[in-house]
Amino acid sequence: MRSTFLFVLPWAAIGIALAVVAAGAATGKNVFKKQGVAWLITIVMVIAAVGIGYANAPYNGPVTEPAPQPSSAPHASGSFVWDDANALSARTIRELDERNDRLWERHNITVAVVTCDNQRELGEYAYRQAEKMGLGGYDMIVALDIQGDNYWLLLGNDVDRDFPYDPSEYAYEYMENAFVRRDYDDAVLELTKALEDWYGDYYR
């Protein structure tokens, strides 16, 4: 709106001045000798000059900011899958999130999954990540060290008393074959599916 008005104003003023000159030419009179006409033309030309100068001035009005873009943070808010090693597919992460939704609705527990590279003490790393996630005594966390070629199943203190298997042997049974093939998607899906089934049988 502003730019349209400023564009039209000076040209309208110039048009009025030309019309006055044309009228004088048509009647054969020298309109510039009349004081009123001279003042009118002067005013019109001043308006035209001001309009042109204002149109070329920088715009200091409000600027509409572009809409913010979605964040590309590695960890979705509320997700208990932290794939820092980029070892899992988007489909697997979605399935793990859906599994945790079911586990929370049915048992108020979580089976978290984290991936990393070259952690010397994978068990301690899993414990630190569990603390950061705020996991409780009935939760579990599965840690995969991709470059270090290792994995770990860590149980919360409460579920550890009820779990009838050795965690390392249980993880080996469900993860080893897929893990050695570097199929990390199948490895975590197989183990977490087994844990989901166990929770359903034991705590129903």
Protein backbone atom coordinates (compact mmCIF):
# COMPACT_ATOMS: atom_id res chain seq x y z
CA MET A 1 0.00 0.00 0.00
CA ARG A 2 2.76 2.47 0.95
CA SER A 3 4.79 1.84 -2.22
CA THR A 4 1.70 2.17 -4.47
CA PHE A 5 0.71 5.50 -2.92
CA LEU A 6 4.22 6.93 -3.19
CA PHE A 7 4.51 5.79 -6.78
CA VAL A 8 1.21 7.38 -7.85
CA LEU A 9 1.54 10.68 -5.91
CA PRO A 10 4.46 12.34 -7.80
CA TRP A 11 3.16 11.26 -11.18
CA ALA A 12 -0.30 12.61 -10.37
CA ALA A 13 1.27 15.94 -9.40
CA ILE A 14 3.25 16.10 -12.65
CA GLY A 15 0.10 15.20 -14.55
CA ILE A 16 -1.75 18.14 -13.04
CA ALA A 17 1.05 20.52 -14.06
CA LEU A 18 1.02 19.21 -17.63
CA ALA A 19 -2.75 19.56 -17.77
CA VAL A 20 -2.49 23.23 -16.77
CA VAL A 21 0.12 23.83 -19.47
CA ALA A 22 -2.01 22.04 -22.07
CA ALA A 23 -5.03 24.10 -21.13
CA GLY A 24 -3.06 27.27 -21.62
CA ALA A 25 -1.82 26.11 -25.00
CA ALA A 26 -5.36 25.27 -26.08
CA THR A 27 -6.65 28.75 -25.22
CA GLY A 28 -3.60 30.50 -26.66
CA LYS A 29 -2.86 32.26 -23.39
CA ASN A 30 0.34 32.32 -21.43
CA VAL A 31 -0.89 30.76 -18.18
CA PHE A 32 2.48 31.29 -16.47
CA LYS A 33 1.81 35.07 -16.30
CA LYS A 34 -1.10 34.44 -13.92
CA GLN A 35 -0.01 34.48 -10.30
CA GLY A 36 -2.50 31.86 -9.16
CA VAL A 37 -1.45 29.40 -11.85
CA ALA A 38 2.23 29.96 -11.07
CA TRP A 39 1.62 29.22 -7.40
CA LEU A 40 -0.39 26.10 -8.26
CA ILE A 41 2.39 24.75 -10.48
CA THR A 42 5.00 25.53 -7.81
CA ILE A 43 3.00 23.64 -5.17
CA VAL A 44 2.47 20.71 -7.50
CA MET A 45 6.18 20.44 -8.32
CA VAL A 46 7.10 20.60 -4.61
CA ILE A 47 4.67 17.77 -3.90
CA ALA A 48 6.18 15.75 -6.75
CA ALA A 49 9.74 16.31 -5.47
CA VAL A 50 8.80 15.35 -1.90
CA GLY A 51 6.96 12.26 -3.09
CA ILE A 52 9.86 11.05 -5.22
CA GLY A 53 12.36 11.66 -2.42
CA TYR A 54 10.20 9.84 0.14
CA ALA A 55 9.70 6.90 -2.20
CA ASN A 56 13.47 6.47 -2.49
CA ALA A 57 14.06 6.68 1.27
CA PRO A 58 14.75 3.44 3.17
CA TYR A 59 11.71 1.78 4.75
CA ASN A 60 11.80 1.87 8.55
CA GLY A 61 8.47 0.23 9.23
CA PRO A 62 7.86 -3.16 10.85
CA VAL A 63 9.37 -6.18 9.10
CA THR A 64 7.51 -9.47 8.94
CA GLU A 65 9.83 -12.25 10.12
CA PRO A 66 9.80 -15.57 8.25
CA ALA A 67 8.09 -18.47 10.01
CA PRO A 68 10.51 -20.46 12.21
CA GLN A 69 11.68 -23.76 10.76
CA PRO A 70 11.27 -27.02 12.67
CA SER A 71 14.22 -28.00 14.83
CA SER A 72 16.52 -30.73 13.61
CA ALA A 73 17.70 -31.74 17.05
CA PRO A 74 19.00 -35.31 17.26
CA HIS A 75 16.72 -36.30 20.17
CA ALA A 76 13.00 -35.83 19.82
CA SER A 77 11.38 -34.34 22.91
CA GLY A 78 10.09 -37.13 25.13
CA SER A 79 11.87 -39.87 23.18
CA PHE A 80 13.95 -42.49 24.98
CA VAL A 81 15.91 -43.39 21.84
CA TRP A 82 19.16 -41.41 21.63
CA ASP A 83 20.94 -42.49 18.46
CA ASP A 84 24.14 -40.46 18.80
CA ALA A 85 26.06 -42.87 16.53
CA ASN A 86 23.43 -42.59 13.76
CA ALA A 87 23.19 -46.38 13.66
CA LEU A 88 19.39 -46.73 13.58
CA SER A 89 16.88 -46.05 10.85
CA ALA A 90 14.02 -43.59 11.27
CA ARG A 91 11.59 -46.50 11.05
CA THR A 92 13.32 -48.34 13.91
CA ILE A 93 13.31 -45.24 16.10
CA ARG A 94 9.60 -44.81 15.43
CA GLU A 95 8.91 -48.46 16.35
CA LEU A 96 10.93 -48.13 19.55
CA ASP A 97 9.02 -44.98 20.50
CA GLU A 98 5.72 -46.76 19.85
CA ARG A 99 6.88 -49.71 21.96
CA ASN A 100 7.72 -47.38 24.83
CA ASP A 101 4.31 -45.75 24.52
CA ARG A 102 2.67 -49.17 24.96
CA LEU A 103 4.95 -50.11 27.86
CA TRP A 104 4.15 -46.87 29.62
CA GLU A 105 0.41 -47.23 29.13
CA ARG A 106 0.39 -50.85 30.36
CA HIS A 107 3.15 -50.95 32.98
CA ASN A 108 4.46 -47.39 33.54
CA ILE A 109 7.95 -48.47 32.49
CA THR A 110 10.44 -47.63 29.74
CA VAL A 111 13.06 -49.56 27.76
CA ALA A 112 15.47 -46.90 26.51
CA VAL A 113 17.97 -47.36 23.66
CA VAL A 114 21.17 -45.35 23.18
CA THR A 115 24.01 -45.64 20.66
CA CYS A 116 27.55 -44.28 20.86
CA ASP A 117 31.06 -44.76 19.50
CA ASN A 118 34.15 -45.99 21.37
CA GLN A 119 33.02 -45.82 24.99
CA ARG A 120 35.62 -47.46 27.22
CA GLU A 121 33.15 -48.30 30.00
CA LEU A 122 29.88 -49.01 28.24
CA GLY A 123 28.09 -49.97 31.45
CA GLU A 124 28.96 -46.65 33.07
CA TYR A 125 27.95 -44.83 29.92
CA ALA A 126 24.55 -46.59 29.97
CA TYR A 127 24.12 -45.64 33.62
CA ARG A 128 24.91 -41.95 32.94
CA GLN A 129 22.47 -41.86 30.04
CA ALA A 130 19.77 -43.48 32.19
CA GLU A 131 20.30 -40.74 34.78
CA LYS A 132 20.02 -38.04 32.13
CA MET A 133 16.76 -39.57 30.89
CA GLY A 134 15.39 -39.79 34.41
CA LEU A 135 14.80 -43.55 34.27
CA GLY A 136 13.50 -45.30 37.37
CA GLY A 137 13.95 -48.59 39.17
CA TYR A 138 11.64 -50.57 36.90
CA ASP A 139 13.11 -49.21 33.66
CA MET A 140 15.84 -50.66 31.44
CA ILE A 141 18.34 -49.21 28.98
CA VAL A 142 20.09 -50.87 26.02
CA ALA A 143 23.41 -49.32 24.96
CA LEU A 144 25.18 -50.05 21.67
CA ASP A 145 28.80 -49.03 21.09
CA ILE A 146 29.04 -49.15 17.30
CA GLN A 147 32.75 -48.45 16.79
CA GLY A 148 33.67 -50.34 19.95
CA ASP A 149 31.69 -53.40 18.76
CA ASN A 150 29.90 -53.90 22.07
CA TYR A 151 26.43 -53.74 23.65
CA TRP A 152 25.01 -53.63 27.15
CA LEU A 153 21.68 -54.22 28.88
CA LEU A 154 21.32 -52.28 32.14
CA LEU A 155 18.39 -53.00 34.50
CA GLY A 156 16.89 -50.66 37.06
CA ASN A 157 17.37 -51.74 40.69
CA ASP A 158 13.74 -52.82 41.19
CA VAL A 159 13.31 -54.83 38.00
CA ASP A 160 16.73 -56.41 38.55
CA ARG A 161 15.30 -58.24 41.57
CA ASP A 162 12.51 -59.75 39.44
CA PHE A 163 14.37 -60.44 36.21
CA PRO A 164 15.17 -64.19 36.16
CA TYR A 165 18.01 -64.03 33.64
CA ASP A 166 21.54 -62.74 33.52
CA PRO A 167 21.25 -59.43 31.61
CA SER A 168 24.39 -59.98 29.53
CA GLU A 169 23.31 -63.48 28.50
CA TYR A 170 19.79 -62.27 27.73
CA ALA A 171 21.13 -59.48 25.51
CA TYR A 172 23.48 -61.91 23.81
CA GLU A 173 20.63 -64.31 23.02
CA TYR A 174 18.51 -61.68 21.28
CA MET A 175 21.12 -59.30 19.84
CA GLU A 176 24.28 -61.15 18.93
CA ASN A 177 23.35 -62.56 15.52
CA ALA A 178 22.03 -59.26 14.20
CA PHE A 179 24.78 -57.23 15.87
CA VAL A 180 27.64 -59.16 14.22
CA ARG A 181 25.92 -58.58 10.86
CA ARG A 182 25.88 -54.86 11.74
CA ASP A 183 22.10 -54.95 11.54
CA TYR A 184 21.62 -52.71 14.54
CA ASP A 185 17.95 -52.14 13.74
CA ASP A 186 17.10 -55.83 14.11
CA ALA A 187 19.36 -56.13 17.15
CA VAL A 188 17.51 -53.53 19.22
CA LEU A 189 14.08 -54.46 17.89
CA GLU A 190 14.56 -58.14 18.78
CA LEU A 191 15.79 -57.41 22.29
CA THR A 192 13.20 -54.76 23.14
CA LYS A 193 10.43 -56.98 21.75
CA ALA A 194 11.57 -59.80 24.06
CA LEU A 195 11.64 -57.38 27.00
CA GLU A 196 8.17 -56.09 26.16
CA ASP A 197 6.84 -59.66 26.08
CA TRP A 198 8.55 -60.46 29.38
CA TYR A 199 7.05 -57.40 31.06
CA GLY A 200 3.62 -58.37 29.74
CA ASP A 201 3.87 -61.93 31.09
CA TYR A 202 5.42 -61.05 34.46
CA TYR A 203 3.56 -57.88 35.45
CA ARG A 204 0.12 -58.46 33.94
